[in-house]
C-alpha atoms as a PDB file:
ATOM      1  CA  UNK A   1      -9.718  42.101  22.665  1.00  0.00           C
ATOM      2  CA  UNK A   2     -10.639  39.858  25.584  1.00  0.00           C
ATOM      3  CA  UNK A   3      -8.092  39.149  28.279  1.00  0.00           C
ATOM      4  CA  UNK A   4      -7.058  35.565  29.011  1.00  0.00           C
ATOM      5  CA  UNK A   5      -9.017  35.471  32.274  1.00  0.00           C
ATOM      6  CA  UNK A   6     -12.209  36.401  30.376  1.00  0.00           C
ATOM      7  CA  UNK A   7     -11.648  33.494  27.993  1.00  0.00           C
ATOM      8  CA  UNK A   8     -10.931  30.979  30.756  1.00  0.00           C
ATOM      9  CA  UNK A   9     -13.299  31.953  33.576  1.00  0.00           C
ATOM     10  CA  UNK A  10     -16.652  31.121  31.992  1.00  0.00           C
ATOM     11  CA  UNK A  11     -19.853  29.390  32.977  1.00  0.00           C
ATOM     12  CA  UNK A  12     -20.511  25.971  31.448  1.00  0.00           C
ATOM     13  CA  UNK A  13     -16.987  25.245  30.166  1.00  0.00           C
ATOM     14  CA  UNK A  14     -16.736  22.621  27.438  1.00  0.00           C
ATOM     15  CA  UNK A  15     -14.051  20.501  29.118  1.00  0.00           C
ATOM     16  CA  UNK A  16     -16.416  18.221  31.114  1.00  0.00           C
ATOM     17  CA  UNK A  17     -18.374  17.535  27.926  1.00  0.00           C
ATOM     18  CA  UNK A  18     -15.159  16.788  26.076  1.00  0.00           C
ATOM     19  CA  UNK A  19     -14.037  14.396  28.814  1.00  0.00           C
ATOM     20  CA  UNK A  20     -17.359  12.557  28.567  1.00  0.00           C
ATOM     21  CA  UNK A  21     -16.926  12.351  24.800  1.00  0.00           C
ATOM     22  CA  UNK A  22     -13.453  10.875  25.219  1.00  0.00           C
ATOM     23  CA  UNK A  23     -14.652   8.310  27.767  1.00  0.00           C
ATOM     24  CA  UNK A  24     -17.529   7.164  25.545  1.00  0.00           C
ATOM     25  CA  UNK A  25     -15.488   6.878  22.356  1.00  0.00           C
ATOM     26  CA  UNK A  26     -15.183   3.378  20.843  1.00  0.00           C
ATOM     27  CA  UNK A  27     -12.012   4.529  19.051  1.00  0.00           C
ATOM     28  CA  UNK A  28      -8.552   4.023  20.649  1.00  0.00           C
ATOM     29  CA  UNK A  29      -7.580   7.418  22.022  1.00  0.00           C
ATOM     30  CA  UNK A  30      -4.559   9.056  23.660  1.00  0.00           C
ATOM     31  CA  UNK A  31      -5.176  12.376  25.422  1.00  0.00           C
ATOM     32  CA  UNK A  32      -2.092  14.503  26.095  1.00  0.00           C
ATOM     33  CA  UNK A  33      -1.728  16.934  28.964  1.00  0.00           C
ATOM     34  CA  UNK A  34      -1.489  20.601  27.913  1.00  0.00           C
ATOM     35  CA  UNK A  35       1.543  22.820  28.078  1.00  0.00           C
ATOM     36  CA  UNK A  36       0.415  25.882  30.085  1.00  0.00           C
ATOM     37  CA  UNK A  37       2.304  28.368  27.925  1.00  0.00           C
ATOM     38  CA  UNK A  38       1.139  26.950  24.612  1.00  0.00           C
ATOM     39  CA  UNK A  39      -2.461  26.505  25.707  1.00  0.00           C
ATOM     40  CA  UNK A  40      -2.619  30.117  26.960  1.00  0.00           C
ATOM     41  CA  UNK A  41      -0.914  31.438  23.808  1.00  0.00           C
ATOM     42  CA  UNK A  42      -3.325  29.554  21.584  1.00  0.00           C
ATOM     43  CA  UNK A  43      -6.476  30.531  23.446  1.00  0.00           C
ATOM     44  CA  UNK A  44      -5.530  34.205  23.607  1.00  0.00           C
ATOM     45  CA  UNK A  45      -4.779  34.427  19.882  1.00  0.00           C
ATOM     46  CA  UNK A  46      -7.927  32.500  18.955  1.00  0.00           C
ATOM     47  CA  UNK A  47     -10.052  34.793  21.141  1.00  0.00           C
ATOM     48  CA  UNK A  48     -12.536  31.986  21.796  1.00  0.00           C
ATOM     49  CA  UNK A  49     -13.704  31.062  25.261  1.00  0.00           C
ATOM     50  CA  UNK A  50     -13.404  27.793  27.125  1.00  0.00           C
ATOM     51  CA  UNK A  51     -17.148  27.324  26.602  1.00  0.00           C
ATOM     52  CA  UNK A  52     -16.468  26.270  23.008  1.00  0.00           C
ATOM     53  CA  UNK A  53     -15.095  22.861  22.070  1.00  0.00           C
ATOM     54  CA  UNK A  54     -12.176  24.532  20.296  1.00  0.00           C
ATOM     55  CA  UNK A  55     -11.380  26.667  23.321  1.00  0.00           C
ATOM     56  CA  UNK A  56     -11.835  23.807  25.764  1.00  0.00           C
ATOM     57  CA  UNK A  57      -9.536  21.562  23.750  1.00  0.00           C
ATOM     58  CA  UNK A  58      -6.866  24.243  23.387  1.00  0.00           C
ATOM     59  CA  UNK A  59      -6.901  25.160  27.074  1.00  0.00           C
ATOM     60  CA  UNK A  60      -7.201  21.758  28.735  1.00  0.00           C
ATOM     61  CA  UNK A  61      -5.671  19.256  26.332  1.00  0.00           C
ATOM     62  CA  UNK A  62      -2.289  18.858  24.676  1.00  0.00           C
ATOM     63  CA  UNK A  63      -3.931  17.140  21.705  1.00  0.00           C
ATOM     64  CA  UNK A  64      -5.395  13.784  20.748  1.00  0.00           C
ATOM     65  CA  UNK A  65      -4.030  10.707  18.993  1.00  0.00           C
ATOM     66  CA  UNK A  66      -7.116   9.091  17.497  1.00  0.00           C
ATOM     67  CA  UNK A  67      -7.220   5.459  16.351  1.00  0.00           C
ATOM     68  CA  UNK A  68      -3.640   4.691  17.390  1.00  0.00           C
ATOM     69  CA  UNK A  69      -2.426   7.928  15.831  1.00  0.00           C
ATOM     70  CA  UNK A  70      -4.215   7.716  12.492  1.00  0.00           C
ATOM     71  CA  UNK A  71      -5.580  11.216  13.193  1.00  0.00           C
ATOM     72  CA  UNK A  72      -3.739  13.822  15.281  1.00  0.00           C
ATOM     73  CA  UNK A  73      -5.923  16.585  16.737  1.00  0.00           C
ATOM     74  CA  UNK A  74      -4.058  19.663  17.955  1.00  0.00           C
ATOM     75  CA  UNK A  75      -4.619  21.495  21.227  1.00  0.00           C
ATOM     76  CA  UNK A  76      -2.296  23.096  23.748  1.00  0.00           C
ATOM     77  CA  UNK A  77       0.624  20.696  23.387  1.00  0.00           C
ATOM     78  CA  UNK A  78       4.344  21.261  23.597  1.00  0.00           C
ATOM     79  CA  UNK A  79       5.662  18.927  20.905  1.00  0.00           C
ATOM     80  CA  UNK A  80       8.229  17.576  23.376  1.00  0.00           C
ATOM     81  CA  UNK A  81       8.829  14.035  24.641  1.00  0.00           C
ATOM     82  CA  UNK A  82       6.646  12.385  22.021  1.00  0.00           C
ATOM     83  CA  UNK A  83       3.675  14.699  22.466  1.00  0.00           C
ATOM     84  CA  UNK A  84       1.843  16.610  19.761  1.00  0.00           C
ATOM     85  CA  UNK A  85       2.812  20.132  18.709  1.00  0.00           C
ATOM     86  CA  UNK A  86       0.344  22.813  19.690  1.00  0.00           C
ATOM     87  CA  UNK A  87      -2.428  24.254  17.576  1.00  0.00           C
ATOM     88  CA  UNK A  88      -0.569  27.554  17.860  1.00  0.00           C
ATOM     89  CA  UNK A  89       2.632  26.077  16.461  1.00  0.00           C
ATOM     90  CA  UNK A  90       0.973  24.136  13.642  1.00  0.00           C
ATOM     91  CA  UNK A  91      -0.813  27.298  12.501  1.00  0.00           C
ATOM     92  CA  UNK A  92       2.131  29.653  12.920  1.00  0.00           C
ATOM     93  CA  UNK A  93       0.594  31.829  15.621  1.00  0.00           C
ATOM     94  CA  UNK A  94       2.732  34.833  16.613  1.00  0.00           C
ATOM     95  CA  UNK A  95       4.744  34.343  19.790  1.00  0.00           C
ATOM     96  CA  UNK A  96       3.047  37.344  21.413  1.00  0.00           C
ATOM     97  CA  UNK A  97      -0.609  38.226  20.942  1.00  0.00           C
ATOM     98  CA  UNK A  98      -1.297  40.271  17.797  1.00  0.00           C
ATOM     99  CA  UNK A  99      -4.899  41.549  17.532  1.00  0.00           C
ATOM    100  CA  UNK A 100      -4.746  41.923  13.741  1.00  0.00           C
ATOM    101  CA  UNK A 101      -3.327  38.459  13.055  1.00  0.00           C
ATOM    102  CA  UNK A 102      -5.665  35.796  11.613  1.00  0.00           C
ATOM    103  CA  UNK A 103      -5.143  32.258  10.377  1.00  0.00           C
ATOM    104  CA  UNK A 104      -5.529  33.151   6.712  1.00  0.00           C
ATOM    105  CA  UNK A 105      -7.710  30.674   4.846  1.00  0.00           C
ATOM    106  CA  UNK A 106      -8.588  28.848   8.030  1.00  0.00           C
ATOM    107  CA  UNK A 107      -7.276  26.963  11.009  1.00  0.00           C
ATOM    108  CA  UNK A 108      -5.584  23.566  10.630  1.00  0.00           C
ATOM    109  CA  UNK A 109      -7.056  21.501  13.470  1.00  0.00           C
ATOM    110  CA  UNK A 110      -5.809  17.981  12.627  1.00  0.00           C
ATOM    111  CA  UNK A 111      -3.744  15.844  10.271  1.00  0.00           C
ATOM    112  CA  UNK A 112      -4.096  12.197   9.448  1.00  0.00           C
ATOM    113  CA  UNK A 113      -1.124   9.913   9.027  1.00  0.00           C
ATOM    114  CA  UNK A 114      -1.381   9.924   5.218  1.00  0.00           C
ATOM    115  CA  UNK A 115      -1.214  13.718   4.949  1.00  0.00           C
ATOM    116  CA  UNK A 116      -4.927  14.459   4.996  1.00  0.00           C
ATOM    117  CA  UNK A 117      -5.692  17.828   6.582  1.00  0.00           C
ATOM    118  CA  UNK A 118      -8.735  18.889   8.578  1.00  0.00           C
ATOM    119  CA  UNK A 119      -9.198  22.663   8.677  1.00  0.00           C
ATOM    120  CA  UNK A 120     -11.763  25.033  10.115  1.00  0.00           C
ATOM    121  CA  UNK A 121     -12.835  27.471   7.401  1.00  0.00           C
ATOM    122  CA  UNK A 122     -12.157  31.163   7.841  1.00  0.00           C
ATOM    123  CA  UNK A 123     -14.514  33.973   6.900  1.00  0.00           C
ATOM    124  CA  UNK A 124     -14.033  33.692   3.119  1.00  0.00           C
ATOM    125  CA  UNK A 125     -13.702  30.041   2.049  1.00  0.00           C
ATOM    126  CA  UNK A 126     -14.438  30.771  -1.629  1.00  0.00           C
ATOM    127  CA  UNK A 127     -11.739  33.439  -1.711  1.00  0.00           C
ATOM    128  CA  UNK A 128      -9.300  30.884  -0.306  1.00  0.00           C
ATOM    129  CA  UNK A 129     -10.311  28.306  -2.909  1.00  0.00           C
ATOM    130  CA  UNK A 130     -12.058  26.070  -0.405  1.00  0.00           C
ATOM    131  CA  UNK A 131     -15.576  24.634  -0.308  1.00  0.00           C
ATOM    132  CA  UNK A 132     -18.138  25.026   2.441  1.00  0.00           C
ATOM    133  CA  UNK A 133     -19.271  27.840   4.669  1.00  0.00           C
ATOM    134  CA  UNK A 134     -17.374  29.943   7.228  1.00  0.00           C
ATOM    135  CA  UNK A 135     -16.804  27.877  10.358  1.00  0.00           C
ATOM    136  CA  UNK A 136     -17.243  24.547   8.534  1.00  0.00           C
ATOM    137  CA  UNK A 137     -14.668  21.767   8.753  1.00  0.00           C
ATOM    138  CA  UNK A 138     -13.124  20.877   5.387  1.00  0.00           C
ATOM    139  CA  UNK A 139     -10.771  18.040   4.503  1.00  0.00           C
ATOM    140  CA  UNK A 140      -7.791  17.998   2.142  1.00  0.00           C
ATOM    141  CA  UNK A 141      -7.911  14.447   0.818  1.00  0.00           C
ATOM    142  CA  UNK A 142      -4.524  12.794   0.150  1.00  0.00           C
ATOM    143  CA  UNK A 143      -5.976  10.574  -2.578  1.00  0.00           C
ATOM    144  CA  UNK A 144      -7.585  13.374  -4.636  1.00  0.00           C
ATOM    145  CA  UNK A 145      -5.435  16.376  -3.608  1.00  0.00           C
ATOM    146  CA  UNK A 146      -8.588  18.443  -3.267  1.00  0.00           C
ATOM    147  CA  UNK A 147     -10.486  20.076  -0.414  1.00  0.00           C
ATOM    148  CA  UNK A 148     -13.828  18.515   0.475  1.00  0.00           C
ATOM    149  CA  UNK A 149     -16.569  20.083   2.578  1.00  0.00           C
ATOM    150  CA  UNK A 150     -17.763  17.910   5.447  1.00  0.00           C
ATOM    151  CA  UNK A 151     -20.900  19.937   6.148  1.00  0.00           C
ATOM    152  CA  UNK A 152     -20.326  20.136   9.913  1.00  0.00           C
ATOM    153  CA  UNK A 153     -18.762  22.527  12.410  1.00  0.00           C
ATOM    154  CA  UNK A 154     -15.960  21.869  14.860  1.00  0.00           C
ATOM    155  CA  UNK A 155     -18.054  20.389  17.705  1.00  0.00           C
ATOM    156  CA  UNK A 156     -19.925  17.959  15.454  1.00  0.00           C
ATOM    157  CA  UNK A 157     -16.661  17.042  13.751  1.00  0.00           C
ATOM    158  CA  UNK A 158     -15.075  16.061  17.071  1.00  0.00           C
ATOM    159  CA  UNK A 159     -18.048  13.808  17.869  1.00  0.00           C
ATOM    160  CA  UNK A 160     -17.817  12.258  14.391  1.00  0.00           C
ATOM    161  CA  UNK A 161     -14.058  11.752  14.700  1.00  0.00           C
ATOM    162  CA  UNK A 162     -14.463   9.830  17.944  1.00  0.00           C
ATOM    163  CA  UNK A 163     -17.201   7.542  16.600  1.00  0.00           C
ATOM    164  CA  UNK A 164     -17.306   4.353  14.551  1.00  0.00           C
ATOM    165  CA  UNK A 165     -17.973   6.499  11.469  1.00  0.00           C
ATOM    166  CA  UNK A 166     -14.258   7.218  11.250  1.00  0.00           C
ATOM    167  CA  UNK A 167     -13.610   3.656  10.079  1.00  0.00           C
ATOM    168  CA  UNK A 168     -16.129   4.027   7.253  1.00  0.00           C
ATOM    169  CA  UNK A 169     -14.610   7.344   6.151  1.00  0.00           C
ATOM    170  CA  UNK A 170     -11.132   5.825   5.802  1.00  0.00           C
ATOM    171  CA  UNK A 171     -12.061   2.324   4.643  1.00  0.00           C
ATOM    172  CA  UNK A 172     -10.604   2.746   1.132  1.00  0.00           C
ATOM    173  CA  UNK A 173      -7.283   4.079   2.450  1.00  0.00           C
ATOM    174  CA  UNK A 174      -6.452   1.363   4.968  1.00  0.00           C
ATOM    175  CA  UNK A 175      -4.600  -1.896   4.525  1.00  0.00           C
ATOM    176  CA  UNK A 176      -3.929  -5.009   6.557  1.00  0.00           C
ATOM    177  CA  UNK A 177      -1.485  -4.033   9.292  1.00  0.00           C
ATOM    178  CA  UNK A 178      -2.237  -0.287   9.081  1.00  0.00           C
ATOM    179  CA  UNK A 179      -2.707   0.001  12.835  1.00  0.00           C
ATOM    180  CA  UNK A 180       0.787  -1.280  13.640  1.00  0.00           C
ATOM    181  CA  UNK A 181       2.405   0.943  10.996  1.00  0.00           C
ATOM    182  CA  UNK A 182       0.484   3.984  12.196  1.00  0.00           C
ATOM    183  CA  UNK A 183       1.322   3.392  15.852  1.00  0.00           C
ATOM    184  CA  UNK A 184       5.008   3.302  14.910  1.00  0.00           C
ATOM    185  CA  UNK A 185       4.937   6.824  13.454  1.00  0.00           C
ATOM    186  CA  UNK A 186       5.789   9.735  15.747  1.00  0.00           C
ATOM    187  CA  UNK A 187       3.458  12.720  16.188  1.00  0.00           C
ATOM    188  CA  UNK A 188       5.395  14.787  13.624  1.00  0.00           C
ATOM    189  CA  UNK A 189       5.672  11.899  11.149  1.00  0.00           C
ATOM    190  CA  UNK A 190       3.435  10.540   8.430  1.00  0.00           C
ATOM    191  CA  UNK A 191       3.347   7.531   6.139  1.00  0.00           C
ATOM    192  CA  UNK A 192       4.574   8.107   2.601  1.00  0.00           C
ATOM    193  CA  UNK A 193       2.862   5.843   0.067  1.00  0.00           C
ATOM    194  CA  UNK A 194       4.265   4.856  -3.332  1.00  0.00           C
ATOM    195  CA  UNK A 195       2.838   4.753  -5.927  1.00  0.00           C
ATOM    196  CA  UNK A 196       1.227   7.978  -4.719  1.00  0.00           C
ATOM    197  CA  UNK A 197      -2.312   7.724  -3.388  1.00  0.00           C
ATOM    198  CA  UNK A 198      -3.668   9.964  -6.139  1.00  0.00           C
ATOM    199  CA  UNK A 199      -2.355   7.685  -8.892  1.00  0.00           C
ATOM    200  CA  UNK A 200      -4.407   4.875 -10.425  1.00  0.00           C
ATOM    201  CA  UNK A 201      -1.650   2.424  -9.463  1.00  0.00           C
ATOM    202  CA  UNK A 202      -2.502   3.000  -5.783  1.00  0.00           C
ATOM    203  CA  UNK A 203      -6.143   1.981  -6.101  1.00  0.00           C
ATOM    204  CA  UNK A 204      -5.356  -0.964  -3.829  1.00  0.00           C
ATOM    205  CA  UNK A 205      -3.335   0.546  -0.965  1.00  0.00           C
ATOM    206  CA  UNK A 206      -2.276  -2.897   0.267  1.00  0.00           C
ATOM    207  CA  UNK A 207      -0.061  -3.304  -2.812  1.00  0.00           C
ATOM    208  CA  UNK A 208       1.845  -0.044  -2.279  1.00  0.00           C
ATOM    209  CA  UNK A 209       5.205   0.561  -0.649  1.00  0.00           C
ATOM    210  CA  UNK A 210       5.010   2.587   2.557  1.00  0.00           C
ATOM    211  CA  UNK A 211       7.554   4.214   4.860  1.00  0.00           C
ATOM    212  CA  UNK A 212       7.539   6.568   7.810  1.00  0.00           C
ATOM    213  CA  UNK A 213       8.871  10.052   7.022  1.00  0.00           C
ATOM    214  CA  UNK A 214       8.532  13.587   8.444  1.00  0.00           C
ATOM    215  CA  UNK A 215       4.964  14.845   7.970  1.00  0.00           C
ATOM    216  CA  UNK A 216       6.290  18.075   6.476  1.00  0.00           C
ATOM    217  CA  UNK A 217       7.594  16.015   3.559  1.00  0.00           C
ATOM    218  CA  UNK A 218       4.266  14.235   3.016  1.00  0.00           C
ATOM    219  CA  UNK A 219       2.414  17.558   2.966  1.00  0.00           C
ATOM    220  CA  UNK A 220       4.988  19.225   0.729  1.00  0.00           C
ATOM    221  CA  UNK A 221       4.840  16.503  -1.927  1.00  0.00           C
ATOM    222  CA  UNK A 222       1.033  16.571  -1.914  1.00  0.00           C
ATOM    223  CA  UNK A 223       0.967  20.354  -2.331  1.00  0.00           C
ATOM    224  CA  UNK A 224       3.515  20.249  -5.177  1.00  0.00           C
ATOM    225  CA  UNK A 225       1.621  17.562  -7.077  1.00  0.00           C
ATOM    226  CA  UNK A 226      -1.705  19.333  -6.553  1.00  0.00           C
ATOM    227  CA  UNK A 227      -0.277  22.312  -8.424  1.00  0.00           C
ATOM    228  CA  UNK A 228       1.231  20.130 -11.162  1.00  0.00           C
ATOM    229  CA  UNK A 229      -1.759  17.948 -11.996  1.00  0.00           C
ATOM    230  CA  UNK A 230      -4.323  20.717 -12.064  1.00  0.00           C
ATOM    231  CA  UNK A 231      -6.019  20.244  -8.726  1.00  0.00           C
ATOM    232  CA  UNK A 232      -4.770  23.714  -7.774  1.00  0.00           C
ATOM    233  CA  UNK A 233      -2.713  25.173  -4.956  1.00  0.00           C
ATOM    234  CA  UNK A 234      -4.218  23.790  -1.744  1.00  0.00           C
ATOM    235  CA  UNK A 235      -2.805  26.676   0.285  1.00  0.00           C
ATOM    236  CA  UNK A 236      -1.652  26.395   3.866  1.00  0.00           C
ATOM    237  CA  UNK A 237      -1.540  22.788   5.147  1.00  0.00           C
ATOM    238  CA  UNK A 238       0.099  23.357   8.538  1.00  0.00           C
ATOM    239  CA  UNK A 239       3.606  23.646   9.967  1.00  0.00           C
ATOM    240  CA  UNK A 240       5.320  20.555  11.388  1.00  0.00           C
END
């Protein structure tokens, strides 16, 4: 086990690089201030240093609202006063450091407003029923109810998320007026779509009915239907 000071006091911390990435992003971005307790709790349990993008984000940032809140990236937030919940809270970290505790199948690092989940693979993705390699970012797609490998690690994923490629990735799931609807959803809320995104009736999202609901409900319905229609149990999708 490494003490918190060992994780924080490092040469070449990632935070300046992250700040440069934020400043250069063409995507609308809100950067929250961290909550000292949650950022320290998260970093200590992760046992990663502030030299890594994951460590730098957890220590120095309360989370990110990307593209007017379409994607919510978790860091060291408090979940209070309209801010994002912390990475530690979303992943159910123990309140006090437990050396033997791990994040099961992997670490949920972000949600999108439609209930898509970005997760960092653990050591045995195949055993958890997920594609990709250990340390790869995978995506639970709300329109297929299946996990998809993205073929990149956490640092490259952050750069991709804050680039114009995000618009291409989500082009089939957006509708006229999506930005206003997304901006109106709180950090613990998502947009419920009916007919469901995975049905053939929702091929054109602009014709669906949409409403803002708690994100826990969006994730719960997706997980239940994944089991029912044969896509399989998606496993842990995060706590909100």
